[in-house]
Amino acid sequence: MDGDTSRFDYDIMGSLTIDRLLPATPDRVWRAFAAPGELASWFWPEPFQTEVSLEARQSGELRIRSESAGMGVTGKVTDIEPERLLSTSWQWDGEEQRTDVTIQLRPEEQGTRLTVRHIGFTTEEAIADHVRGWNDCLDRLDRIGLTA
């Protein structure tokens, strides 16, 4: 993606922010993140056969898992405003550290501004790994027609 539609930033306080302009309505982008089947269809590479369960409500449970890749994430919805905001805790299987993710959507003339904010990292290496991981994931939004 070019500089006009995608950017990222991170800080020494243990957080990262990724910002993209997607050519779709907030409702369409919301479904990509809040509908389990949609999220599973793009979040990780196809060979991972990703499984997602998400209760898109306050205190709802989140589970993203790939048995074939031997990895998964669990969390709990901490804040939700349909078509605008989804915040969850985020904990990788087998790890003690818990972080927090916020997905924010804002309508713009050319589509929807997507901002992913992931906080709570303790090392620059973890931030860099997650910047790469989030960008890889978001690049796959083209599977469901959400990239330019």
N, C-alpha and C. Protein backbone atom coordinates (compact mmCIF):
# COMPACT_ATOMS: atom_id res chain seq x y z
N MET A 1 0.84 -1.17 0.00
CA MET A 1 0.00 0.00 0.00
C MET A 1 0.89 1.23 0.00
N ASP A 2 0.43 2.30 -0.64
CA ASP A 2 1.24 3.50 -0.68
C ASP A 2 1.04 4.35 0.57
N GLY A 3 1.87 5.39 0.71
CA GLY A 3 1.85 6.23 1.90
C GLY A 3 0.56 6.96 2.12
N ASP A 4 -0.28 7.11 1.09
CA ASP A 4 -1.54 7.82 1.25
C ASP A 4 -2.59 6.97 1.95
N THR A 5 -2.46 5.65 1.93
CA THR A 5 -3.51 4.81 2.47
C THR A 5 -3.09 3.98 3.67
N SER A 6 -1.80 3.90 3.96
CA SER A 6 -1.35 3.05 5.05
C SER A 6 -0.15 3.68 5.75
N ARG A 7 -0.16 3.61 7.07
CA ARG A 7 1.00 4.07 7.82
C ARG A 7 1.03 3.32 9.15
N PHE A 8 2.20 3.30 9.79
CA PHE A 8 2.27 2.73 11.12
C PHE A 8 3.23 3.55 11.94
N ASP A 9 3.10 3.41 13.25
CA ASP A 9 3.94 4.11 14.19
C ASP A 9 4.03 3.26 15.44
N TYR A 10 5.09 3.42 16.19
CA TYR A 10 5.18 2.77 17.49
C TYR A 10 5.93 3.69 18.42
N ASP A 11 5.78 3.44 19.71
CA ASP A 11 6.46 4.29 20.68
C ASP A 11 7.16 3.46 21.74
N ILE A 12 8.01 4.10 22.49
CA ILE A 12 8.79 3.39 23.50
C ILE A 12 7.95 3.01 24.71
N MET A 13 6.70 3.42 24.75
CA MET A 13 5.82 3.06 25.85
C MET A 13 5.12 1.72 25.60
N GLY A 14 5.54 1.01 24.56
CA GLY A 14 5.03 -0.34 24.34
C GLY A 14 3.77 -0.42 23.51
N SER A 15 3.60 0.46 22.55
CA SER A 15 2.39 0.39 21.72
C SER A 15 2.72 0.60 20.25
N LEU A 16 1.80 0.18 19.41
CA LEU A 16 1.92 0.40 17.98
C LEU A 16 0.57 0.88 17.46
N THR A 17 0.62 1.62 16.36
CA THR A 17 -0.59 2.10 15.70
C THR A 17 -0.41 1.91 14.20
N ILE A 18 -1.40 1.28 13.58
CA ILE A 18 -1.41 1.11 12.14
C ILE A 18 -2.68 1.76 11.61
N ASP A 19 -2.53 2.54 10.57
CA ASP A 19 -3.63 3.33 10.04
C ASP A 19 -3.75 3.05 8.54
N ARG A 20 -4.95 2.72 8.09
CA ARG A 20 -5.18 2.46 6.66
C ARG A 20 -6.51 3.04 6.23
N LEU A 21 -6.56 3.47 4.99
CA LEU A 21 -7.80 3.89 4.38
C LEU A 21 -8.30 2.75 3.51
N LEU A 22 -9.50 2.26 3.81
CA LEU A 22 -10.06 1.13 3.06
C LEU A 22 -11.23 1.62 2.20
N PRO A 23 -11.34 1.12 0.97
CA PRO A 23 -12.38 1.57 0.05
C PRO A 23 -13.72 0.87 0.30
N ALA A 24 -14.28 1.06 1.48
CA ALA A 24 -15.53 0.39 1.86
C ALA A 24 -16.21 1.20 2.96
N THR A 25 -17.48 0.92 3.19
CA THR A 25 -18.23 1.60 4.24
C THR A 25 -17.81 1.07 5.61
N PRO A 26 -18.02 1.86 6.67
CA PRO A 26 -17.72 1.36 8.02
C PRO A 26 -18.47 0.06 8.34
N ASP A 27 -19.70 -0.07 7.87
CA ASP A 27 -20.47 -1.29 8.12
C ASP A 27 -19.76 -2.51 7.52
N ARG A 28 -19.25 -2.36 6.30
CA ARG A 28 -18.56 -3.48 5.64
C ARG A 28 -17.26 -3.83 6.35
N VAL A 29 -16.50 -2.82 6.74
CA VAL A 29 -15.24 -3.07 7.45
C VAL A 29 -15.53 -3.67 8.82
N TRP A 30 -16.57 -3.20 9.48
CA TRP A 30 -16.96 -3.74 10.79
C TRP A 30 -17.20 -5.24 10.69
N ARG A 31 -17.95 -5.67 9.68
CA ARG A 31 -18.22 -7.11 9.53
C ARG A 31 -16.93 -7.91 9.36
N ALA A 32 -15.94 -7.33 8.69
CA ALA A 32 -14.67 -8.04 8.49
C ALA A 32 -13.99 -8.35 9.82
N PHE A 33 -14.22 -7.51 10.82
CA PHE A 33 -13.60 -7.70 12.13
C PHE A 33 -14.52 -8.35 13.16
N ALA A 34 -15.83 -8.14 13.05
CA ALA A 34 -16.75 -8.58 14.11
C ALA A 34 -17.54 -9.84 13.77
N ALA A 35 -17.56 -10.24 12.52
CA ALA A 35 -18.25 -11.47 12.13
C ALA A 35 -17.22 -12.60 12.08
N PRO A 36 -17.36 -13.61 12.94
CA PRO A 36 -16.32 -14.65 13.03
C PRO A 36 -15.93 -15.29 11.70
N GLY A 37 -16.89 -15.63 10.86
CA GLY A 37 -16.57 -16.25 9.58
C GLY A 37 -15.77 -15.33 8.67
N GLU A 38 -16.11 -14.06 8.68
CA GLU A 38 -15.37 -13.08 7.87
C GLU A 38 -13.94 -12.94 8.39
N LEU A 39 -13.80 -12.78 9.70
CA LEU A 39 -12.46 -12.63 10.29
C LEU A 39 -11.60 -13.85 9.99
N ALA A 40 -12.17 -15.03 10.12
CA ALA A 40 -11.42 -16.26 9.84
C ALA A 40 -10.97 -16.33 8.38
N SER A 41 -11.73 -15.73 7.47
CA SER A 41 -11.43 -15.85 6.04
C SER A 41 -10.20 -15.06 5.60
N TRP A 42 -9.76 -14.09 6.40
CA TRP A 42 -8.62 -13.27 5.97
C TRP A 42 -7.52 -13.11 7.02
N PHE A 43 -7.79 -13.35 8.27
CA PHE A 43 -6.86 -12.94 9.32
C PHE A 43 -5.48 -13.59 9.21
N TRP A 44 -5.43 -14.89 9.08
CA TRP A 44 -4.15 -15.58 8.91
C TRP A 44 -4.13 -16.23 7.53
N PRO A 45 -2.94 -16.69 7.06
CA PRO A 45 -2.85 -17.31 5.73
C PRO A 45 -3.82 -18.49 5.57
N GLU A 46 -4.31 -18.69 4.36
CA GLU A 46 -5.28 -19.75 4.09
C GLU A 46 -4.85 -21.13 4.59
N PRO A 47 -3.58 -21.53 4.41
CA PRO A 47 -3.19 -22.87 4.89
C PRO A 47 -3.36 -23.06 6.40
N PHE A 48 -3.48 -21.97 7.15
CA PHE A 48 -3.64 -22.07 8.60
C PHE A 48 -5.02 -22.58 9.00
N GLN A 49 -5.98 -22.55 8.07
CA GLN A 49 -7.35 -22.99 8.37
C GLN A 49 -7.84 -22.36 9.68
N THR A 50 -7.82 -21.05 9.70
CA THR A 50 -8.13 -20.28 10.89
C THR A 50 -9.56 -20.50 11.36
N GLU A 51 -9.70 -20.66 12.67
CA GLU A 51 -11.02 -20.77 13.31
C GLU A 51 -11.17 -19.58 14.23
N VAL A 52 -12.34 -18.95 14.20
CA VAL A 52 -12.60 -17.78 15.03
C VAL A 52 -13.92 -17.94 15.76
N SER A 53 -13.92 -17.64 17.03
CA SER A 53 -15.17 -17.44 17.76
C SER A 53 -15.06 -16.07 18.41
N LEU A 54 -16.11 -15.29 18.25
CA LEU A 54 -16.14 -13.94 18.80
C LEU A 54 -17.56 -13.60 19.19
N GLU A 55 -17.73 -13.27 20.45
CA GLU A 55 -19.01 -12.75 20.93
C GLU A 55 -18.87 -11.23 20.91
N ALA A 56 -19.41 -10.60 19.86
CA ALA A 56 -19.24 -9.17 19.65
C ALA A 56 -20.19 -8.38 20.56
N ARG A 57 -19.87 -8.42 21.85
CA ARG A 57 -20.63 -7.70 22.88
C ARG A 57 -19.69 -7.43 24.05
N GLN A 58 -20.04 -6.50 24.89
CA GLN A 58 -19.23 -6.20 26.07
C GLN A 58 -18.96 -7.47 26.86
N SER A 59 -17.71 -7.71 27.20
CA SER A 59 -17.25 -8.90 27.95
C SER A 59 -17.36 -10.20 27.17
N GLY A 60 -17.64 -10.11 25.86
CA GLY A 60 -17.71 -11.30 25.03
C GLY A 60 -16.33 -11.92 24.85
N GLU A 61 -16.31 -13.20 24.56
CA GLU A 61 -15.07 -13.95 24.40
C GLU A 61 -14.57 -13.88 22.95
N LEU A 62 -13.25 -13.84 22.80
CA LEU A 62 -12.58 -13.89 21.50
C LEU A 62 -11.63 -15.08 21.50
N ARG A 63 -11.64 -15.82 20.40
CA ARG A 63 -10.69 -16.93 20.22
C ARG A 63 -10.36 -17.00 18.74
N ILE A 64 -9.08 -16.85 18.41
CA ILE A 64 -8.59 -17.05 17.05
C ILE A 64 -7.57 -18.17 17.14
N ARG A 65 -7.76 -19.21 16.31
CA ARG A 65 -6.94 -20.40 16.48
C ARG A 65 -6.62 -21.03 15.14
N SER A 66 -5.42 -21.61 15.08
CA SER A 66 -5.03 -22.42 13.93
C SER A 66 -4.37 -23.68 14.47
N GLU A 67 -5.08 -24.78 14.34
CA GLU A 67 -4.51 -26.04 14.79
C GLU A 67 -3.32 -26.43 13.92
N SER A 68 -3.43 -26.21 12.60
CA SER A 68 -2.34 -26.60 11.70
C SER A 68 -1.07 -25.80 11.96
N ALA A 69 -1.19 -24.54 12.37
CA ALA A 69 -0.02 -23.70 12.67
C ALA A 69 0.38 -23.81 14.14
N GLY A 70 -0.46 -24.44 14.95
CA GLY A 70 -0.15 -24.60 16.36
C GLY A 70 -0.11 -23.30 17.13
N MET A 71 -1.06 -22.39 16.82
CA MET A 71 -1.07 -21.11 17.53
C MET A 71 -2.49 -20.61 17.72
N GLY A 72 -2.62 -19.71 18.68
CA GLY A 72 -3.93 -19.14 18.93
C GLY A 72 -3.83 -17.93 19.85
N VAL A 73 -4.90 -17.18 19.86
CA VAL A 73 -5.03 -15.98 20.68
C VAL A 73 -6.38 -16.05 21.37
N THR A 74 -6.41 -15.63 22.63
CA THR A 74 -7.68 -15.49 23.33
C THR A 74 -7.78 -14.07 23.87
N GLY A 75 -9.01 -13.67 24.11
CA GLY A 75 -9.23 -12.34 24.67
C GLY A 75 -10.66 -12.16 25.10
N LYS A 76 -10.92 -10.96 25.60
CA LYS A 76 -12.26 -10.59 26.04
C LYS A 76 -12.54 -9.19 25.51
N VAL A 77 -13.75 -8.98 25.02
CA VAL A 77 -14.15 -7.66 24.52
C VAL A 77 -14.24 -6.71 25.71
N THR A 78 -13.48 -5.62 25.63
CA THR A 78 -13.45 -4.65 26.72
C THR A 78 -14.23 -3.38 26.40
N ASP A 79 -14.46 -3.12 25.11
CA ASP A 79 -15.25 -1.96 24.69
C ASP A 79 -15.75 -2.23 23.29
N ILE A 80 -16.99 -1.85 23.03
CA ILE A 80 -17.56 -2.08 21.70
C ILE A 80 -18.59 -1.01 21.39
N GLU A 81 -18.46 -0.48 20.19
CA GLU A 81 -19.44 0.45 19.62
C GLU A 81 -19.58 0.02 18.17
N PRO A 82 -20.63 -0.74 17.83
CA PRO A 82 -20.76 -1.29 16.48
C PRO A 82 -20.50 -0.25 15.38
N GLU A 83 -19.74 -0.71 14.41
CA GLU A 83 -19.33 0.07 13.23
C GLU A 83 -18.38 1.20 13.57
N ARG A 84 -17.86 1.24 14.81
CA ARG A 84 -16.95 2.30 15.19
C ARG A 84 -15.74 1.83 16.00
N LEU A 85 -15.94 0.93 16.96
CA LEU A 85 -14.87 0.58 17.90
C LEU A 85 -15.02 -0.84 18.42
N LEU A 86 -13.91 -1.57 18.43
CA LEU A 86 -13.85 -2.90 19.03
C LEU A 86 -12.52 -3.00 19.76
N SER A 87 -12.58 -3.14 21.08
CA SER A 87 -11.37 -3.29 21.90
C SER A 87 -11.43 -4.64 22.60
N THR A 88 -10.29 -5.33 22.59
CA THR A 88 -10.21 -6.63 23.25
C THR A 88 -8.87 -6.78 23.97
N SER A 89 -8.88 -7.62 24.98
CA SER A 89 -7.59 -8.09 25.50
C SER A 89 -7.06 -9.09 24.49
N TRP A 90 -5.76 -9.40 24.59
CA TRP A 90 -5.10 -10.21 23.55
C TRP A 90 -4.00 -11.00 24.23
N GLN A 91 -4.12 -12.32 24.23
CA GLN A 91 -3.09 -13.15 24.85
C GLN A 91 -2.82 -14.36 23.97
N TRP A 92 -1.56 -14.47 23.56
CA TRP A 92 -1.15 -15.61 22.75
C TRP A 92 -1.13 -16.87 23.60
N ASP A 93 -1.53 -17.99 23.01
CA ASP A 93 -1.46 -19.28 23.71
C ASP A 93 -0.03 -19.53 24.18
N GLY A 94 0.10 -19.98 25.40
CA GLY A 94 1.40 -20.33 25.94
C GLY A 94 2.22 -19.16 26.46
N GLU A 95 1.69 -17.95 26.37
CA GLU A 95 2.42 -16.78 26.86
C GLU A 95 1.69 -16.16 28.04
N GLU A 96 2.46 -15.59 28.96
CA GLU A 96 1.86 -14.97 30.13
C GLU A 96 1.42 -13.53 29.87
N GLN A 97 2.14 -12.84 28.99
CA GLN A 97 1.85 -11.44 28.76
C GLN A 97 0.51 -11.25 28.05
N ARG A 98 -0.26 -10.31 28.57
CA ARG A 98 -1.51 -9.92 27.94
C ARG A 98 -1.36 -8.49 27.41
N THR A 99 -1.83 -8.27 26.20
CA THR A 99 -1.82 -6.94 25.61
C THR A 99 -3.27 -6.57 25.27
N ASP A 100 -3.45 -5.40 24.70
CA ASP A 100 -4.80 -4.95 24.35
C ASP A 100 -4.82 -4.39 22.94
N VAL A 101 -5.88 -4.70 22.20
CA VAL A 101 -6.04 -4.26 20.82
C VAL A 101 -7.32 -3.44 20.70
N THR A 102 -7.21 -2.32 19.98
CA THR A 102 -8.38 -1.52 19.65
C THR A 102 -8.43 -1.32 18.15
N ILE A 103 -9.58 -1.65 17.58
CA ILE A 103 -9.88 -1.43 16.18
C ILE A 103 -10.85 -0.25 16.14
N GLN A 104 -10.45 0.81 15.44
CA GLN A 104 -11.32 1.99 15.35
C GLN A 104 -11.61 2.26 13.88
N LEU A 105 -12.87 2.58 13.58
CA LEU A 105 -13.32 2.88 12.22
C LEU A 105 -13.89 4.28 12.18
N ARG A 106 -13.49 5.05 11.15
CA ARG A 106 -14.01 6.40 10.95
C ARG A 106 -14.37 6.57 9.47
N PRO A 107 -15.61 6.97 9.19
CA PRO A 107 -15.97 7.20 7.78
C PRO A 107 -15.20 8.38 7.22
N GLU A 108 -14.78 8.24 5.98
CA GLU A 108 -14.13 9.31 5.23
C GLU A 108 -14.73 9.34 3.83
N GLU A 109 -14.47 10.39 3.12
CA GLU A 109 -15.04 10.54 1.79
C GLU A 109 -14.71 9.37 0.87
N GLN A 110 -13.48 8.84 0.98
CA GLN A 110 -13.05 7.76 0.09
C GLN A 110 -13.22 6.37 0.67
N GLY A 111 -13.86 6.25 1.83
CA GLY A 111 -14.06 4.94 2.43
C GLY A 111 -14.07 5.01 3.94
N THR A 112 -13.29 4.13 4.55
CA THR A 112 -13.24 4.05 6.01
C THR A 112 -11.79 4.08 6.47
N ARG A 113 -11.51 4.93 7.43
CA ARG A 113 -10.19 4.98 8.06
C ARG A 113 -10.17 3.92 9.14
N LEU A 114 -9.29 2.94 8.99
CA LEU A 114 -9.09 1.87 9.96
C LEU A 114 -7.84 2.20 10.77
N THR A 115 -7.98 2.22 12.08
CA THR A 115 -6.83 2.39 12.96
C THR A 115 -6.76 1.20 13.90
N VAL A 116 -5.64 0.52 13.89
CA VAL A 116 -5.38 -0.59 14.81
C VAL A 116 -4.36 -0.09 15.82
N ARG A 117 -4.71 -0.14 17.08
CA ARG A 117 -3.80 0.25 18.17
C ARG A 117 -3.62 -0.96 19.06
N HIS A 118 -2.37 -1.36 19.25
CA HIS A 118 -2.04 -2.54 20.06
C HIS A 118 -1.08 -2.07 21.14
N ILE A 119 -1.46 -2.21 22.40
CA ILE A 119 -0.67 -1.68 23.51
C ILE A 119 -0.30 -2.76 24.51
N GLY A 120 0.74 -2.46 25.29
CA GLY A 120 1.13 -3.35 26.38
C GLY A 120 2.37 -4.18 26.14
N PHE A 121 3.14 -3.86 25.12
CA PHE A 121 4.36 -4.62 24.83
C PHE A 121 5.48 -4.22 25.79
N THR A 122 6.37 -5.17 26.04
CA THR A 122 7.47 -4.90 26.96
C THR A 122 8.82 -4.80 26.27
N THR A 123 8.87 -5.13 24.97
CA THR A 123 10.14 -5.03 24.25
C THR A 123 9.91 -4.43 22.86
N GLU A 124 10.94 -3.79 22.32
CA GLU A 124 10.88 -3.27 20.96
C GLU A 124 10.74 -4.41 19.95
N GLU A 125 11.36 -5.55 20.26
CA GLU A 125 11.26 -6.71 19.37
C GLU A 125 9.80 -7.18 19.25
N ALA A 126 9.08 -7.21 20.36
CA ALA A 126 7.67 -7.60 20.33
C ALA A 126 6.85 -6.61 19.51
N ILE A 127 7.15 -5.33 19.65
CA ILE A 127 6.45 -4.32 18.85
C ILE A 127 6.72 -4.56 17.37
N ALA A 128 7.98 -4.72 17.01
CA ALA A 128 8.35 -4.93 15.60
C ALA A 128 7.68 -6.19 15.04
N ASP A 129 7.66 -7.27 15.82
CA ASP A 129 7.01 -8.51 15.38
C ASP A 129 5.52 -8.28 15.12
N HIS A 130 4.88 -7.52 15.99
CA HIS A 130 3.44 -7.28 15.84
C HIS A 130 3.12 -6.27 14.74
N VAL A 131 3.99 -5.30 14.51
CA VAL A 131 3.81 -4.40 13.36
C VAL A 131 3.82 -5.24 12.08
N ARG A 132 4.81 -6.11 11.96
CA ARG A 132 4.91 -6.99 10.79
C ARG A 132 3.67 -7.91 10.71
N GLY A 133 3.29 -8.49 11.83
CA GLY A 133 2.14 -9.39 11.85
C GLY A 133 0.83 -8.71 11.48
N TRP A 134 0.57 -7.54 12.08
CA TRP A 134 -0.65 -6.82 11.75
C TRP A 134 -0.67 -6.40 10.28
N ASN A 135 0.45 -5.92 9.77
CA ASN A 135 0.48 -5.53 8.36
C ASN A 135 0.25 -6.72 7.44
N ASP A 136 0.84 -7.87 7.79
CA ASP A 136 0.59 -9.09 7.00
C ASP A 136 -0.90 -9.43 7.02
N CYS A 137 -1.51 -9.37 8.20
CA CYS A 137 -2.94 -9.67 8.31
C CYS A 137 -3.77 -8.69 7.49
N LEU A 138 -3.53 -7.41 7.69
CA LEU A 138 -4.33 -6.39 7.01
C LEU A 138 -4.15 -6.43 5.49
N ASP A 139 -2.98 -6.85 5.04
CA ASP A 139 -2.76 -6.99 3.60
C ASP A 139 -3.69 -8.06 3.00
N ARG A 140 -4.12 -9.01 3.83
CA ARG A 140 -5.01 -10.07 3.34
C ARG A 140 -6.47 -9.64 3.26
N LEU A 141 -6.80 -8.43 3.64
CA LEU A 141 -8.17 -7.95 3.50
C LEU A 141 -8.63 -7.97 2.03
N ASP A 142 -7.68 -8.05 1.11
CA ASP A 142 -8.06 -8.13 -0.30
C ASP A 142 -8.84 -9.41 -0.60
N ARG A 143 -8.69 -10.43 0.22
CA ARG A 143 -9.47 -11.67 0.02
C ARG A 143 -10.96 -11.40 0.04
N ILE A 144 -11.36 -10.36 0.77
CA ILE A 144 -12.79 -10.06 0.87
C ILE A 144 -13.09 -8.69 0.25
N GLY A 145 -12.19 -8.23 -0.61
CA GLY A 145 -12.42 -7.02 -1.39
C GLY A 145 -12.27 -5.71 -0.63
N LEU A 146 -11.45 -5.69 0.40
CA LEU A 146 -11.33 -4.47 1.22
C LEU A 146 -9.99 -3.75 1.11
N THR A 147 -9.25 -3.95 0.04
CA THR A 147 -8.05 -3.16 -0.17
C THR A 147 -8.12 -2.50 -1.54
N ALA A 148 -7.37 -1.41 -1.64
CA ALA A 148 -7.41 -0.64 -2.90
C ALA A 148 -6.63 -1.34 -4.00
